[in-house]
Amino acid sequence: MVATNAHVVSVPLADDQLESLVIVVPGAPQGAIRKAAKVAADPNTDLALLRLDGEPLPALSLAEGSFVAEGRSIAFTGFPIGSALGLTPVTHRGIVAAVTPIGIPQANSRQLNPALIRRLAGDSFRVYQLDATAYPGNSGSPVFDPDSGEVLGIVNMVFVKGTKENALSAPSGITYAIPVSHLRALLPDVR
């Protein structure tokens, strides 16, 4: 199985148009393409689990516990801007800067909505704020301990200043990740 963000696989596929969800496994012969099926998704935590056809891939260990401490070193590997840079894995390093409610504070009250107010006011769903820069294509990347390799979370989104194009031209350097405890909660449904 492979974990990713629910928003990465949220568009329904049209069976009548012969669409399929596939995963490209870099480094495999001819960049092996493997069919995948979504077996679980939780839009509230933006997590999804995919089951791949074929032989299992090497597994990553999932860290125990609810949250890691602020200041903890992290790394994440993904395929930033994959459509332009290709399928070359790229690793970024940083730290967990904060454990914060999911939701980016807005500049003025006109930008608030009820869902954002609930997320900012509540303590029920907290995420990691990382001081590492992620780009489009990093969504769903594993956030891991650079020494042990244990997965600590999953890259979810970046703080964008201005328009979405600014994520590329003027990145904020602030990335958010879903703690691995939410992935652990999704796993029993599909084992």
Protein backbone atom coordinates (compact mmCIF):
# COMPACT_ATOMS: atom_id res chain seq x y z
CA MET A 1 0.00 0.00 0.00
CA VAL A 2 0.99 3.60 -0.55
CA ALA A 3 -0.18 6.57 1.51
CA THR A 4 -0.81 9.95 -0.10
CA ASN A 5 -3.11 12.94 0.27
CA ALA A 6 -6.81 12.53 -0.47
CA HIS A 7 -6.69 15.70 -2.59
CA VAL A 8 -4.13 14.01 -4.88
CA VAL A 9 -6.59 11.25 -5.81
CA SER A 10 -9.89 13.11 -5.32
CA VAL A 11 -10.96 13.31 -8.97
CA PRO A 12 -13.20 10.36 -9.83
CA LEU A 13 -12.00 8.29 -12.79
CA ALA A 14 -14.34 7.47 -15.64
CA ASP A 15 -14.40 3.69 -16.20
CA ASP A 16 -16.23 4.20 -19.47
CA GLN A 17 -13.26 6.23 -20.76
CA LEU A 18 -10.77 3.56 -19.67
CA GLU A 19 -9.08 5.80 -17.12
CA SER A 20 -6.86 4.15 -14.50
CA LEU A 21 -4.97 5.27 -11.45
CA VAL A 22 -1.31 4.34 -11.83
CA ILE A 23 1.87 4.84 -9.86
CA VAL A 24 5.24 5.23 -11.54
CA VAL A 25 8.04 3.55 -9.58
CA PRO A 26 11.23 5.50 -10.36
CA GLY A 27 14.39 3.45 -10.62
CA ALA A 28 12.47 0.37 -11.70
CA PRO A 29 13.06 -1.00 -15.21
CA GLN A 30 11.47 1.43 -17.69
CA GLY A 31 10.10 3.42 -14.70
CA ALA A 32 7.62 0.63 -13.95
CA ILE A 33 4.01 1.71 -14.08
CA ARG A 34 1.81 -0.07 -11.55
CA LYS A 35 -1.98 0.05 -11.42
CA ALA A 36 -3.34 1.31 -8.11
CA ALA A 37 -6.74 1.43 -6.48
CA LYS A 38 -7.90 3.79 -3.74
CA VAL A 39 -8.86 1.57 -0.80
CA ALA A 40 -9.42 4.20 1.90
CA ALA A 41 -9.67 7.96 2.13
CA ASP A 42 -10.34 10.46 4.88
CA PRO A 43 -11.02 13.93 3.48
CA ASN A 44 -10.97 15.40 7.02
CA THR A 45 -7.29 14.53 7.44
CA ASP A 46 -6.58 14.66 3.68
CA LEU A 47 -5.16 11.14 3.66
CA ALA A 48 -5.71 8.27 1.25
CA LEU A 49 -4.40 4.73 0.95
CA LEU A 50 -3.75 3.08 -2.40
CA ARG A 51 -3.20 -0.62 -3.03
CA LEU A 52 -0.68 -1.34 -5.80
CA ASP A 53 -0.81 -4.28 -8.18
CA GLY A 54 2.24 -6.52 -8.27
CA GLU A 55 5.04 -7.28 -5.87
CA PRO A 56 5.23 -5.24 -2.64
CA LEU A 57 7.61 -2.30 -2.56
CA PRO A 58 10.05 -1.89 0.36
CA ALA A 59 8.06 -0.68 3.35
CA LEU A 60 8.77 2.42 5.41
CA SER A 61 8.42 2.19 9.19
CA LEU A 62 5.79 4.39 10.80
CA ALA A 63 6.79 6.27 13.96
CA GLU A 64 4.90 5.60 17.19
CA GLY A 65 3.13 8.27 19.23
CA SER A 66 0.93 11.22 18.49
CA PHE A 67 3.30 14.13 17.81
CA VAL A 68 7.01 14.73 17.53
CA ALA A 69 8.60 17.62 19.39
CA GLU A 70 9.06 21.05 17.88
CA GLY A 71 12.65 21.47 16.72
CA ARG A 72 12.92 17.84 15.52
CA SER A 73 14.93 17.36 12.35
CA ILE A 74 12.92 16.08 9.38
CA ALA A 75 13.33 15.34 5.73
CA PHE A 76 10.85 14.64 2.95
CA THR A 77 11.34 13.09 -0.46
CA GLY A 78 9.03 13.66 -3.37
CA PHE A 79 8.75 14.75 -6.96
CA PRO A 80 8.43 18.55 -6.91
CA ILE A 81 7.13 20.06 -10.12
CA GLY A 82 7.30 16.57 -11.63
CA SER A 83 5.69 17.62 -14.89
CA ALA A 84 8.62 19.98 -15.53
CA LEU A 85 11.51 18.31 -13.69
CA GLY A 86 10.61 14.69 -14.37
CA LEU A 87 10.47 11.74 -12.03
CA THR A 88 13.66 12.35 -10.14
CA PRO A 89 13.21 12.06 -6.38
CA VAL A 90 14.27 15.17 -4.48
CA THR A 91 14.88 15.33 -0.72
CA HIS A 92 14.45 18.47 1.39
CA ARG A 93 15.54 18.86 5.03
CA GLY A 94 14.21 21.06 7.82
CA ILE A 95 12.68 20.95 11.28
CA VAL A 96 9.24 20.77 12.82
CA ALA A 97 8.79 24.47 13.55
CA ALA A 98 5.41 24.13 15.29
CA VAL A 99 2.51 21.83 16.02
CA THR A 100 -0.44 23.98 15.01
CA PRO A 101 -4.15 23.78 14.13
CA ILE A 102 -4.73 23.02 10.47
CA GLY A 103 -5.76 26.24 8.81
CA ILE A 104 -3.83 29.24 7.68
CA PRO A 105 -4.81 32.47 9.46
CA GLN A 106 -6.26 35.02 7.05
CA ALA A 107 -5.26 38.66 6.58
CA ASN A 108 -8.77 40.00 7.21
CA SER A 109 -12.18 38.83 8.37
CA ARG A 110 -13.66 38.72 4.84
CA GLN A 111 -11.41 35.75 4.10
CA LEU A 112 -12.72 33.70 7.04
CA ASN A 113 -15.30 30.96 6.61
CA PRO A 114 -17.01 28.73 9.20
CA ALA A 115 -14.81 25.69 8.47
CA LEU A 116 -11.60 27.70 8.90
CA ILE A 117 -12.86 29.28 12.14
CA ARG A 118 -13.64 25.79 13.53
CA ARG A 119 -10.17 24.52 12.58
CA LEU A 120 -8.36 27.52 14.06
CA ALA A 121 -10.43 27.56 17.26
CA GLY A 122 -10.45 23.83 17.86
CA ASP A 123 -7.73 21.64 19.17
CA SER A 124 -8.98 18.48 17.52
CA PHE A 125 -6.78 18.42 14.43
CA ARG A 126 -3.21 19.63 14.70
CA VAL A 127 -0.52 19.38 12.04
CA TYR A 128 3.20 19.96 11.74
CA GLN A 129 4.41 23.29 10.42
CA LEU A 130 7.78 22.64 8.79
CA ASP A 131 10.48 25.16 7.94
CA ALA A 132 11.22 23.38 4.67
CA THR A 133 10.01 24.36 1.22
CA ALA A 134 7.65 22.02 -0.63
CA TYR A 135 6.37 22.58 -4.15
CA PRO A 136 3.51 21.23 -6.26
CA GLY A 137 4.29 17.53 -6.61
CA ASN A 138 5.43 17.15 -2.99
CA SER A 139 1.86 16.53 -1.77
CA GLY A 140 1.70 13.08 -0.22
CA SER A 141 5.46 12.86 0.30
CA PRO A 142 6.59 11.07 3.44
CA VAL A 143 8.10 13.28 6.16
CA PHE A 144 10.70 11.17 7.90
CA ASP A 145 13.38 11.21 10.57
CA PRO A 146 16.64 11.63 8.60
CA ASP A 147 18.54 9.34 11.01
CA SER A 148 16.12 6.43 11.49
CA GLY A 149 14.01 6.72 8.33
CA GLU A 150 10.79 6.42 10.36
CA VAL A 151 7.83 8.20 8.77
CA LEU A 152 6.64 11.07 11.00
CA GLY A 153 4.00 12.57 8.71
CA ILE A 154 2.81 13.25 5.17
CA VAL A 155 3.31 16.56 3.33
CA ASN A 156 -0.08 18.19 2.92
CA MET A 157 0.18 21.80 1.71
CA VAL A 158 2.32 24.92 1.63
CA PHE A 159 1.64 28.42 2.82
CA VAL A 160 1.21 30.48 -0.34
CA LYS A 161 1.70 34.23 -0.31
CA GLY A 162 -0.60 35.75 -2.93
CA THR A 163 -1.48 33.62 -5.95
CA LYS A 164 -0.81 29.91 -6.50
CA GLU A 165 1.88 30.85 -9.02
CA ASN A 166 3.79 32.44 -6.13
CA ALA A 167 4.35 28.93 -4.70
CA LEU A 168 6.94 28.57 -7.48
CA SER A 169 8.24 32.12 -7.95
CA ALA A 170 8.29 33.23 -4.30
CA PRO A 171 7.95 30.20 -2.00
CA SER A 172 7.15 30.95 1.63
CA GLY A 173 9.36 28.19 3.03
CA ILE A 174 6.45 27.02 5.21
CA THR A 175 5.07 23.55 4.61
CA TYR A 176 2.41 21.63 6.53
CA ALA A 177 2.32 17.88 7.18
CA ILE A 178 -0.28 15.52 8.61
CA PRO A 179 1.11 13.57 11.62
CA VAL A 180 1.53 9.84 10.98
CA SER A 181 -0.89 9.04 13.85
CA HIS A 182 -3.75 9.97 11.46
CA LEU A 183 -2.39 7.49 8.90
CA ARG A 184 -2.20 4.81 11.61
CA ALA A 185 -5.89 5.47 12.38
CA LEU A 186 -6.78 4.84 8.71
CA LEU A 187 -4.83 1.56 8.38
CA PRO A 188 -7.09 -0.82 10.37
CA ASP A 189 -9.90 -0.18 7.87
CA VAL A 190 -7.95 -1.79 5.03
CA ARG A 191 -5.66 -4.50 6.42
